Full PDB file with SEQRES, HELIX, SHEET, SSBOND, CRYST1, ORIGX, SCALE, CONECT and MASTER records, all heavy atoms in Angstrom:
SEQRES   1 A   35  SER GLY GLU ARG ARG LEU LEU ASP VAL LYS VAL ALA LEU          
SEQRES   2 A   35  SER GLY GLY ASN THR ALA ASN ILE LEU THR SER LYS ASN          
SEQRES   3 A   35  ALA PHE LYS ARG VAL TYR LEU ASP ASP                          
HELIX    1 AA1 LYS A   10  LEU A   13  1                                   4    
HELIX    2 AA2 THR A   18  THR A   23  5                                   6    
HELIX    3 AA3 LYS A   25  PHE A   28  1                                   4    
CRYST1    1.000    1.000    1.000  90.00  90.00  90.00 P 1           1          
ORIGX1      1.000000  0.000000  0.000000        0.00000                         
ORIGX2      0.000000  1.000000  0.000000        0.00000                         
ORIGX3      0.000000  0.000000  1.000000        0.00000                         
SCALE1      1.000000  0.000000  0.000000        0.00000                         
SCALE2      0.000000  1.000000  0.000000        0.00000                         
SCALE3      0.000000  0.000000  1.000000        0.00000                         
ATOM      1  N   SER A   1    -138.731 -63.115-142.144  1.00  0.00           N  
ATOM      2  CA  SER A   1    -139.349 -64.443-141.985  1.00  0.00           C  
ATOM      3  C   SER A   1    -140.012 -64.583-140.616  1.00  0.00           C  
ATOM      4  O   SER A   1    -140.655 -65.588-140.342  1.00  0.00           O  
ATOM      5  CB  SER A   1    -138.278 -65.521-142.136  1.00  0.00           C  
ATOM      6  OG  SER A   1    -137.285 -65.368-141.117  1.00  0.00           O  
ATOM      7  N   GLY A   2    -139.828 -63.576-139.748  1.00  0.00           N  
ATOM      8  CA  GLY A   2    -140.349 -63.629-138.391  1.00  0.00           C  
ATOM      9  C   GLY A   2    -139.354 -64.221-137.404  1.00  0.00           C  
ATOM     10  O   GLY A   2    -139.597 -64.260-136.203  1.00  0.00           O  
ATOM     11  N   GLU A   3    -138.219 -64.662-137.914  1.00  0.00           N  
ATOM     12  CA  GLU A   3    -137.205 -65.277-137.062  1.00  0.00           C  
ATOM     13  C   GLU A   3    -136.400 -64.211-136.327  1.00  0.00           C  
ATOM     14  O   GLU A   3    -135.970 -63.224-136.908  1.00  0.00           O  
ATOM     15  CB  GLU A   3    -136.273 -66.139-137.920  1.00  0.00           C  
ATOM     16  CG  GLU A   3    -135.332 -66.979-137.117  1.00  0.00           C  
ATOM     17  CD  GLU A   3    -134.528 -67.943-137.977  1.00  0.00           C  
ATOM     18  OE1 GLU A   3    -134.707 -67.967-139.207  1.00  0.00           O  
ATOM     19  OE2 GLU A   3    -133.719 -68.671-137.406  1.00  0.00           O  
ATOM     20  N   ARG A   4    -136.216 -64.427-135.033  1.00  0.00           N  
ATOM     21  CA  ARG A   4    -135.412 -63.535-134.186  1.00  0.00           C  
ATOM     22  C   ARG A   4    -134.084 -64.231-133.927  1.00  0.00           C  
ATOM     23  O   ARG A   4    -134.049 -65.396-133.520  1.00  0.00           O  
ATOM     24  CB  ARG A   4    -136.151 -63.266-132.877  1.00  0.00           C  
ATOM     25  CG  ARG A   4    -135.519 -62.213-132.012  1.00  0.00           C  
ATOM     26  CD  ARG A   4    -136.389 -61.862-130.816  1.00  0.00           C  
ATOM     27  NE  ARG A   4    -137.751 -61.525-131.156  1.00  0.00           N  
ATOM     28  CZ  ARG A   4    -138.185 -60.339-131.611  1.00  0.00           C  
ATOM     29  NH1 ARG A   4    -137.330 -59.367-131.778  1.00  0.00           N  
ATOM     30  NH2 ARG A   4    -139.454 -60.139-131.896  1.00  0.00           N  
ATOM     31  N   ARG A   5    -132.974 -63.497-134.174  1.00  0.00           N  
ATOM     32  CA  ARG A   5    -131.649 -64.094-134.027  1.00  0.00           C  
ATOM     33  C   ARG A   5    -130.745 -63.152-133.244  1.00  0.00           C  
ATOM     34  O   ARG A   5    -130.982 -61.946-133.193  1.00  0.00           O  
ATOM     35  CB  ARG A   5    -131.050 -64.402-135.402  1.00  0.00           C  
ATOM     36  CG  ARG A   5    -131.873 -65.459-136.155  1.00  0.00           C  
ATOM     37  CD  ARG A   5    -131.325 -65.769-137.520  1.00  0.00           C  
ATOM     38  NE  ARG A   5    -130.053 -66.442-137.508  1.00  0.00           N  
ATOM     39  CZ  ARG A   5    -129.897 -67.770-137.488  1.00  0.00           C  
ATOM     40  NH1 ARG A   5    -130.948 -68.568-137.448  1.00  0.00           N  
ATOM     41  NH2 ARG A   5    -128.693 -68.304-137.511  1.00  0.00           N  
ATOM     42  N   LEU A   6    -129.695 -63.712-132.638  1.00  0.00           N  
ATOM     43  CA  LEU A   6    -128.741 -62.965-131.838  1.00  0.00           C  
ATOM     44  C   LEU A   6    -127.383 -62.992-132.523  1.00  0.00           C  
ATOM     45  O   LEU A   6    -126.866 -64.070-132.853  1.00  0.00           O  
ATOM     46  CB  LEU A   6    -128.641 -63.585-130.438  1.00  0.00           C  
ATOM     47  CG  LEU A   6    -127.832 -62.810-129.423  1.00  0.00           C  
ATOM     48  CD1 LEU A   6    -128.553 -61.523-129.026  1.00  0.00           C  
ATOM     49  CD2 LEU A   6    -127.600 -63.667-128.181  1.00  0.00           C  
ATOM     50  N   LEU A   7    -126.817 -61.817-132.748  1.00  0.00           N  
ATOM     51  CA  LEU A   7    -125.508 -61.686-133.394  1.00  0.00           C  
ATOM     52  C   LEU A   7    -124.527 -61.102-132.393  1.00  0.00           C  
ATOM     53  O   LEU A   7    -124.735 -60.000-131.876  1.00  0.00           O  
ATOM     54  CB  LEU A   7    -125.601 -60.782-134.621  1.00  0.00           C  
ATOM     55  CG  LEU A   7    -124.298 -60.524-135.375  1.00  0.00           C  
ATOM     56  CD1 LEU A   7    -123.774 -61.818-135.995  1.00  0.00           C  
ATOM     57  CD2 LEU A   7    -124.495 -59.470-136.439  1.00  0.00           C  
ATOM     58  N   ASP A   8    -123.460 -61.833-132.108  1.00  0.00           N  
ATOM     59  CA  ASP A   8    -122.410 -61.374-131.206  1.00  0.00           C  
ATOM     60  C   ASP A   8    -121.376 -60.628-132.039  1.00  0.00           C  
ATOM     61  O   ASP A   8    -120.739 -61.222-132.903  1.00  0.00           O  
ATOM     62  CB  ASP A   8    -121.782 -62.571-130.493  1.00  0.00           C  
ATOM     63  CG  ASP A   8    -120.783 -62.176-129.426  1.00  0.00           C  
ATOM     64  OD1 ASP A   8    -120.369 -60.991-129.379  1.00  0.00           O  
ATOM     65  OD2 ASP A   8    -120.407 -63.054-128.632  1.00  0.00           O  
ATOM     66  N   VAL A   9    -121.205 -59.345-131.793  1.00  0.00           N  
ATOM     67  CA  VAL A   9    -120.255 -58.564-132.589  1.00  0.00           C  
ATOM     68  C   VAL A   9    -118.993 -58.201-131.809  1.00  0.00           C  
ATOM     69  O   VAL A   9    -118.174 -57.430-132.292  1.00  0.00           O  
ATOM     70  CB  VAL A   9    -120.914 -57.297-133.188  1.00  0.00           C  
ATOM     71  CG1 VAL A   9    -121.955 -57.656-134.205  1.00  0.00           C  
ATOM     72  CG2 VAL A   9    -121.499 -56.425-132.119  1.00  0.00           C  
ATOM     73  N   LYS A  10    -118.804 -58.794-130.635  1.00  0.00           N  
ATOM     74  CA  LYS A  10    -117.616 -58.484-129.830  1.00  0.00           C  
ATOM     75  C   LYS A  10    -116.324 -58.797-130.580  1.00  0.00           C  
ATOM     76  O   LYS A  10    -115.372 -58.034-130.512  1.00  0.00           O  
ATOM     77  CB  LYS A  10    -117.655 -59.223-128.493  1.00  0.00           C  
ATOM     78  CG  LYS A  10    -118.685 -58.676-127.518  1.00  0.00           C  
ATOM     79  CD  LYS A  10    -118.610 -59.346-126.167  1.00  0.00           C  
ATOM     80  CE  LYS A  10    -119.186 -60.713-126.112  1.00  0.00           C  
ATOM     81  NZ  LYS A  10    -120.603 -60.880-126.342  1.00  0.00           N  
ATOM     82  N   VAL A  11    -116.262 -59.908-131.288  1.00  0.00           N  
ATOM     83  CA  VAL A  11    -115.047 -60.289-132.012  1.00  0.00           C  
ATOM     84  C   VAL A  11    -114.735 -59.253-133.085  1.00  0.00           C  
ATOM     85  O   VAL A  11    -113.589 -58.809-133.232  1.00  0.00           O  
ATOM     86  CB  VAL A  11    -115.191 -61.697-132.630  1.00  0.00           C  
ATOM     87  CG1 VAL A  11    -114.015 -62.015-133.532  1.00  0.00           C  
ATOM     88  CG2 VAL A  11    -115.331 -62.733-131.539  1.00  0.00           C  
ATOM     89  N   ALA A  12    -115.741 -58.819-133.813  1.00  0.00           N  
ATOM     90  CA  ALA A  12    -115.524 -57.822-134.868  1.00  0.00           C  
ATOM     91  C   ALA A  12    -115.045 -56.497-134.275  1.00  0.00           C  
ATOM     92  O   ALA A  12    -114.259 -55.779-134.898  1.00  0.00           O  
ATOM     93  CB  ALA A  12    -116.811 -57.603-135.660  1.00  0.00           C  
ATOM     94  N   LEU A  13    -115.493 -56.172-133.079  1.00  0.00           N  
ATOM     95  CA  LEU A  13    -115.112 -54.913-132.452  1.00  0.00           C  
ATOM     96  C   LEU A  13    -113.694 -54.926-131.906  1.00  0.00           C  
ATOM     97  O   LEU A  13    -113.119 -53.879-131.642  1.00  0.00           O  
ATOM     98  CB  LEU A  13    -116.086 -54.564-131.320  1.00  0.00           C  
ATOM     99  CG  LEU A  13    -117.525 -54.308-131.744  1.00  0.00           C  
ATOM    100  CD1 LEU A  13    -118.383 -54.030-130.520  1.00  0.00           C  
ATOM    101  CD2 LEU A  13    -117.610 -53.166-132.721  1.00  0.00           C  
ATOM    102  N   SER A  14    -113.113 -56.092-131.740  1.00  0.00           N  
ATOM    103  CA  SER A  14    -111.771 -56.181-131.164  1.00  0.00           C  
ATOM    104  C   SER A  14    -110.683 -56.220-132.227  1.00  0.00           C  
ATOM    105  O   SER A  14    -109.516 -56.397-131.904  1.00  0.00           O  
ATOM    106  CB  SER A  14    -111.673 -57.432-130.287  1.00  0.00           C  
ATOM    107  OG  SER A  14    -111.790 -58.593-131.083  1.00  0.00           O  
ATOM    108  N   GLY A  15    -111.027 -56.032-133.481  1.00  0.00           N  
ATOM    109  CA  GLY A  15    -110.090 -56.196-134.581  1.00  0.00           C  
ATOM    110  C   GLY A  15    -109.141 -55.046-134.842  1.00  0.00           C  
ATOM    111  O   GLY A  15    -108.277 -55.151-135.685  1.00  0.00           O  
ATOM    112  N   GLY A  16    -109.272 -53.929-134.142  1.00  0.00           N  
ATOM    113  CA  GLY A  16    -108.363 -52.815-134.366  1.00  0.00           C  
ATOM    114  C   GLY A  16    -108.641 -52.069-135.660  1.00  0.00           C  
ATOM    115  O   GLY A  16    -107.761 -51.528-136.279  1.00  0.00           O  
ATOM    116  N   ASN A  17    -109.901 -52.033-136.088  1.00  0.00           N  
ATOM    117  CA  ASN A  17    -110.247 -51.355-137.327  1.00  0.00           C  
ATOM    118  C   ASN A  17    -111.234 -50.218-137.042  1.00  0.00           C  
ATOM    119  O   ASN A  17    -111.360 -49.777-135.906  1.00  0.00           O  
ATOM    120  CB  ASN A  17    -110.835 -52.350-138.333  1.00  0.00           C  
ATOM    121  CG  ASN A  17    -112.001 -53.121-137.734  1.00  0.00           C  
ATOM    122  OD1 ASN A  17    -112.664 -52.646-136.816  1.00  0.00           O  
ATOM    123  ND2 ASN A  17    -112.256 -54.307-138.238  1.00  0.00           N  
ATOM    124  N   THR A  18    -111.907 -49.760-138.041  1.00  0.00           N  
ATOM    125  CA  THR A  18    -112.863 -48.664-137.898  1.00  0.00           C  
ATOM    126  C   THR A  18    -113.930 -48.971-136.858  1.00  0.00           C  
ATOM    127  O   THR A  18    -114.434 -48.078-136.192  1.00  0.00           O  
ATOM    128  CB  THR A  18    -113.551 -48.380-139.252  1.00  0.00           C  
ATOM    129  OG1 THR A  18    -112.539 -48.189-140.231  1.00  0.00           O  
ATOM    130  CG2 THR A  18    -114.415 -47.161-139.178  1.00  0.00           C  
ATOM    131  N   ALA A  19    -114.265 -50.238-136.683  1.00  0.00           N  
ATOM    132  CA  ALA A  19    -115.307 -50.615-135.730  1.00  0.00           C  
ATOM    133  C   ALA A  19    -114.920 -50.307-134.289  1.00  0.00           C  
ATOM    134  O   ALA A  19    -115.778 -50.333-133.413  1.00  0.00           O  
ATOM    135  CB  ALA A  19    -115.637 -52.088-135.880  1.00  0.00           C  
ATOM    136  N   ASN A  20    -113.657 -49.989-134.024  1.00  0.00           N  
ATOM    137  CA  ASN A  20    -113.256 -49.641-132.662  1.00  0.00           C  
ATOM    138  C   ASN A  20    -114.055 -48.477-132.108  1.00  0.00           C  
ATOM    139  O   ASN A  20    -114.176 -48.331-130.891  1.00  0.00           O  
ATOM    140  CB  ASN A  20    -111.764 -49.324-132.598  1.00  0.00           C  
ATOM    141  CG  ASN A  20    -110.930 -50.575-132.554  1.00  0.00           C  
ATOM    142  OD1 ASN A  20    -111.422 -51.662-132.268  1.00  0.00           O  
ATOM    143  ND2 ASN A  20    -109.655 -50.431-132.849  1.00  0.00           N  
ATOM    144  N   ILE A  21    -114.588 -47.641-132.969  1.00  0.00           N  
ATOM    145  CA  ILE A  21    -115.413 -46.513-132.531  1.00  0.00           C  
ATOM    146  C   ILE A  21    -116.644 -47.009-131.781  1.00  0.00           C  
ATOM    147  O   ILE A  21    -117.209 -46.310-130.955  1.00  0.00           O  
ATOM    148  CB  ILE A  21    -115.800 -45.617-133.738  1.00  0.00           C  
ATOM    149  CG1 ILE A  21    -116.348 -44.274-133.264  1.00  0.00           C  
ATOM    150  CG2 ILE A  21    -116.813 -46.286-134.628  1.00  0.00           C  
ATOM    151  CD1 ILE A  21    -115.315 -43.319-132.803  1.00  0.00           C  
ATOM    152  N   LEU A  22    -117.044 -48.245-132.018  1.00  0.00           N  
ATOM    153  CA  LEU A  22    -118.261 -48.795-131.408  1.00  0.00           C  
ATOM    154  C   LEU A  22    -118.009 -49.489-130.081  1.00  0.00           C  
ATOM    155  O   LEU A  22    -118.907 -50.122-129.542  1.00  0.00           O  
ATOM    156  CB  LEU A  22    -118.929 -49.771-132.377  1.00  0.00           C  
ATOM    157  CG  LEU A  22    -119.319 -49.203-133.723  1.00  0.00           C  
ATOM    158  CD1 LEU A  22    -119.906 -50.285-134.600  1.00  0.00           C  
ATOM    159  CD2 LEU A  22    -120.282 -48.053-133.558  1.00  0.00           C  
ATOM    160  N   THR A  23    -116.810 -49.386-129.521  1.00  0.00           N  
ATOM    161  CA  THR A  23    -116.527 -50.081-128.278  1.00  0.00           C  
ATOM    162  C   THR A  23    -117.168 -49.418-127.063  1.00  0.00           C  
ATOM    163  O   THR A  23    -117.208 -50.018-125.999  1.00  0.00           O  
ATOM    164  CB  THR A  23    -115.010 -50.247-128.052  1.00  0.00           C  
ATOM    165  OG1 THR A  23    -114.403 -48.962-128.091  1.00  0.00           O  
ATOM    166  CG2 THR A  23    -114.418 -51.168-129.115  1.00  0.00           C  
ATOM    167  N   SER A  24    -117.693 -48.221-127.196  1.00  0.00           N  
ATOM    168  CA  SER A  24    -118.457 -47.638-126.095  1.00  0.00           C  
ATOM    169  C   SER A  24    -119.916 -48.053-126.265  1.00  0.00           C  
ATOM    170  O   SER A  24    -120.428 -48.140-127.393  1.00  0.00           O  
ATOM    171  CB  SER A  24    -118.332 -46.113-126.075  1.00  0.00           C  
ATOM    172  OG  SER A  24    -119.275 -45.511-126.926  1.00  0.00           O  
ATOM    173  N   LYS A  25    -120.579 -48.338-125.149  1.00  0.00           N  
ATOM    174  CA  LYS A  25    -121.975 -48.780-125.219  1.00  0.00           C  
ATOM    175  C   LYS A  25    -122.864 -47.727-125.863  1.00  0.00           C  
ATOM    176  O   LYS A  25    -123.779 -48.068-126.618  1.00  0.00           O  
ATOM    177  CB  LYS A  25    -122.494 -49.135-123.834  1.00  0.00           C  
ATOM    178  CG  LYS A  25    -122.009 -50.464-123.358  1.00  0.00           C  
ATOM    179  CD  LYS A  25    -122.654 -50.851-122.047  1.00  0.00           C  
ATOM    180  CE  LYS A  25    -122.041 -52.143-121.552  1.00  0.00           C  
ATOM    181  NZ  LYS A  25    -122.549 -52.538-120.259  1.00  0.00           N  
ATOM    182  N   ASN A  26    -122.596 -46.460-125.586  1.00  0.00           N  
ATOM    183  CA  ASN A  26    -123.433 -45.401-126.167  1.00  0.00           C  
ATOM    184  C   ASN A  26    -123.336 -45.391-127.682  1.00  0.00           C  
ATOM    185  O   ASN A  26    -124.338 -45.259-128.378  1.00  0.00           O  
ATOM    186  CB  ASN A  26    -123.061 -44.031-125.597  1.00  0.00           C  
ATOM    187  CG  ASN A  26    -123.496 -43.869-124.155  1.00  0.00           C  
ATOM    188  OD1 ASN A  26    -124.393 -44.564-123.684  1.00  0.00           O  
ATOM    189  ND2 ASN A  26    -122.861 -42.959-123.448  1.00  0.00           N  
ATOM    190  N   ALA A  27    -122.122 -45.529-128.204  1.00  0.00           N  
ATOM    191  CA  ALA A  27    -121.945 -45.557-129.659  1.00  0.00           C  
ATOM    192  C   ALA A  27    -122.572 -46.818-130.244  1.00  0.00           C  
ATOM    193  O   ALA A  27    -123.241 -46.772-131.278  1.00  0.00           O  
ATOM    194  CB  ALA A  27    -120.467 -45.477-130.017  1.00  0.00           C  
ATOM    195  N   PHE A  28    -122.375 -47.940-129.594  1.00  0.00           N  
ATOM    196  CA  PHE A  28    -122.919 -49.211-130.077  1.00  0.00           C  
ATOM    197  C   PHE A  28    -124.445 -49.163-130.144  1.00  0.00           C  
ATOM    198  O   PHE A  28    -125.057 -49.678-131.080  1.00  0.00           O  
ATOM    199  CB  PHE A  28    -122.457 -50.359-129.172  1.00  0.00           C  
ATOM    200  CG  PHE A  28    -122.882 -51.708-129.646  1.00  0.00           C  
ATOM    201  CD1 PHE A  28    -122.301 -52.287-130.759  1.00  0.00           C  
ATOM    202  CD2 PHE A  28    -123.882 -52.405-128.981  1.00  0.00           C  
ATOM    203  CE1 PHE A  28    -122.695 -53.544-131.205  1.00  0.00           C  
ATOM    204  CE2 PHE A  28    -124.286 -53.661-129.414  1.00  0.00           C  
ATOM    205  CZ  PHE A  28    -123.696 -54.224-130.526  1.00  0.00           C  
ATOM    206  N   LYS A  29    -125.065 -48.521-129.185  1.00  0.00           N  
ATOM    207  CA  LYS A  29    -126.534 -48.472-129.124  1.00  0.00           C  
ATOM    208  C   LYS A  29    -127.142 -47.528-130.165  1.00  0.00           C  
ATOM    209  O   LYS A  29    -128.360 -47.486-130.309  1.00  0.00           O  
ATOM    210  CB  LYS A  29    -126.980 -48.109-127.716  1.00  0.00           C  
ATOM    211  CG  LYS A  29    -126.719 -49.271-126.768  1.00  0.00           C  
ATOM    212  CD  LYS A  29    -127.511 -49.143-125.505  1.00  0.00           C  
ATOM    213  CE  LYS A  29    -127.335 -50.371-124.673  1.00  0.00           C  
ATOM    214  NZ  LYS A  29    -128.516 -51.173-124.592  1.00  0.00           N  
ATOM    215  N   ARG A  30    -126.317 -46.814-130.918  1.00  0.00           N  
ATOM    216  CA  ARG A  30    -126.835 -45.946-131.996  1.00  0.00           C  
ATOM    217  C   ARG A  30    -127.104 -46.728-133.277  1.00  0.00           C  
ATOM    218  O   ARG A  30    -127.241 -46.160-134.354  1.00  0.00           O  
ATOM    219  CB  ARG A  30    -125.841 -44.817-132.291  1.00  0.00           C  
ATOM    220  CG  ARG A  30    -125.707 -43.792-131.214  1.00  0.00           C  
ATOM    221  CD  ARG A  30    -124.985 -42.534-131.690  1.00  0.00           C  
ATOM    222  NE  ARG A  30    -123.872 -42.791-132.572  1.00  0.00           N  
ATOM    223  CZ  ARG A  30    -122.578 -42.714-132.231  1.00  0.00           C  
ATOM    224  NH1 ARG A  30    -122.231 -42.384-131.021  1.00  0.00           N  
ATOM    225  NH2 ARG A  30    -121.644 -42.959-133.122  1.00  0.00           N  
ATOM    226  N   VAL A  31    -127.201 -48.020-133.197  1.00  0.00           N  
ATOM    227  CA  VAL A  31    -127.428 -48.884-134.357  1.00  0.00           C  
ATOM    228  C   VAL A  31    -128.765 -48.545-135.016  1.00  0.00           C  
ATOM    229  O   VAL A  31    -129.715 -48.138-134.347  1.00  0.00           O  
ATOM    230  CB  VAL A  31    -127.374 -50.381-133.954  1.00  0.00           C  
ATOM    231  CG1 VAL A  31    -128.527 -50.762-133.047  1.00  0.00           C  
ATOM    232  CG2 VAL A  31    -127.304 -51.284-135.164  1.00  0.00           C  
ATOM    233  N   TYR A  32    -128.815 -48.682-136.334  1.00  0.00           N  
ATOM    234  CA  TYR A  32    -130.052 -48.455-137.090  1.00  0.00           C  
ATOM    235  C   TYR A  32    -130.013 -49.265-138.377  1.00  0.00           C  
ATOM    236  O   TYR A  32    -128.976 -49.793-138.762  1.00  0.00           O  
ATOM    237  CB  TYR A  32    -130.253 -46.965-137.390  1.00  0.00           C  
ATOM    238  CG  TYR A  32    -129.230 -46.360-138.325  1.00  0.00           C  
ATOM    239  CD1 TYR A  32    -129.484 -46.271-139.696  1.00  0.00           C  
ATOM    240  CD2 TYR A  32    -128.005 -45.878-137.855  1.00  0.00           C  
ATOM    241  CE1 TYR A  32    -128.547 -45.717-140.561  1.00  0.00           C  
ATOM    242  CE2 TYR A  32    -127.074 -45.323-138.707  1.00  0.00           C  
ATOM    243  CZ  TYR A  32    -127.347 -45.252-140.059  1.00  0.00           C  
ATOM    244  OH  TYR A  32    -126.420 -44.706-140.918  1.00  0.00           O  
ATOM    245  N   LEU A  33    -131.166 -49.370-139.028  1.00  0.00           N  
ATOM    246  CA  LEU A  33    -131.233 -49.979-140.362  1.00  0.00           C  
ATOM    247  C   LEU A  33    -131.167 -48.873-141.388  1.00  0.00           C  
ATOM    248  O   LEU A  33    -131.936 -47.910-141.327  1.00  0.00           O  
ATOM    249  CB  LEU A  33    -132.533 -50.757-140.545  1.00  0.00           C  
ATOM    250  CG  LEU A  33    -132.660 -52.050-139.762  1.00  0.00           C  
ATOM    251  CD1 LEU A  33    -134.004 -52.713-140.062  1.00  0.00           C  
ATOM    252  CD2 LEU A  33    -131.526 -53.006-140.074  1.00  0.00           C  
ATOM    253  N   ASP A  34    -130.262 -49.006-142.360  1.00  0.00           N  
ATOM    254  CA  ASP A  34    -130.179 -47.991-143.404  1.00  0.00           C  
ATOM    255  C   ASP A  34    -131.210 -48.267-144.500  1.00  0.00           C  
ATOM    256  O   ASP A  34    -132.030 -49.185-144.383  1.00  0.00           O  
ATOM    257  CB  ASP A  34    -128.754 -47.887-143.955  1.00  0.00           C  
ATOM    258  CG  ASP A  34    -128.297 -49.093-144.744  1.00  0.00           C  
ATOM    259  OD1 ASP A  34    -129.121 -49.971-145.087  1.00  0.00           O  
ATOM    260  OD2 ASP A  34    -127.086 -49.161-145.058  1.00  0.00           O  
ATOM    261  N   ASP A  35    -131.172 -47.484-145.548  1.00  0.00           N  
ATOM    262  CA  ASP A  35    -132.154 -47.608-146.635  1.00  0.00           C  
ATOM    263  C   ASP A  35    -132.096 -48.951-147.357  1.00  0.00           C  
ATOM    264  O   ASP A  35    -133.055 -49.355-147.998  1.00  0.00           O  
ATOM    265  CB  ASP A  35    -131.961 -46.482-147.658  1.00  0.00           C  
ATOM    266  CG  ASP A  35    -132.271 -45.121-147.076  1.00  0.00           C  
ATOM    267  OD1 ASP A  35    -132.994 -45.053-146.054  1.00  0.00           O  
ATOM    268  OD2 ASP A  35    -131.792 -44.117-147.636  1.00  0.00           O  
TER     269      ASP A  35                                                      
MASTER        0    0    0    3    0    0    0    6  268    1    0    3          
END                                                                             
């Protein structure tokens, strides 16, 4: 739609789940859009 939005994912990263792998900035910055 052309809208730019900001998503804070810090809470999701602190949950003690698989997302813990993303707590390093280098890993977090490997974000991409899948198919």
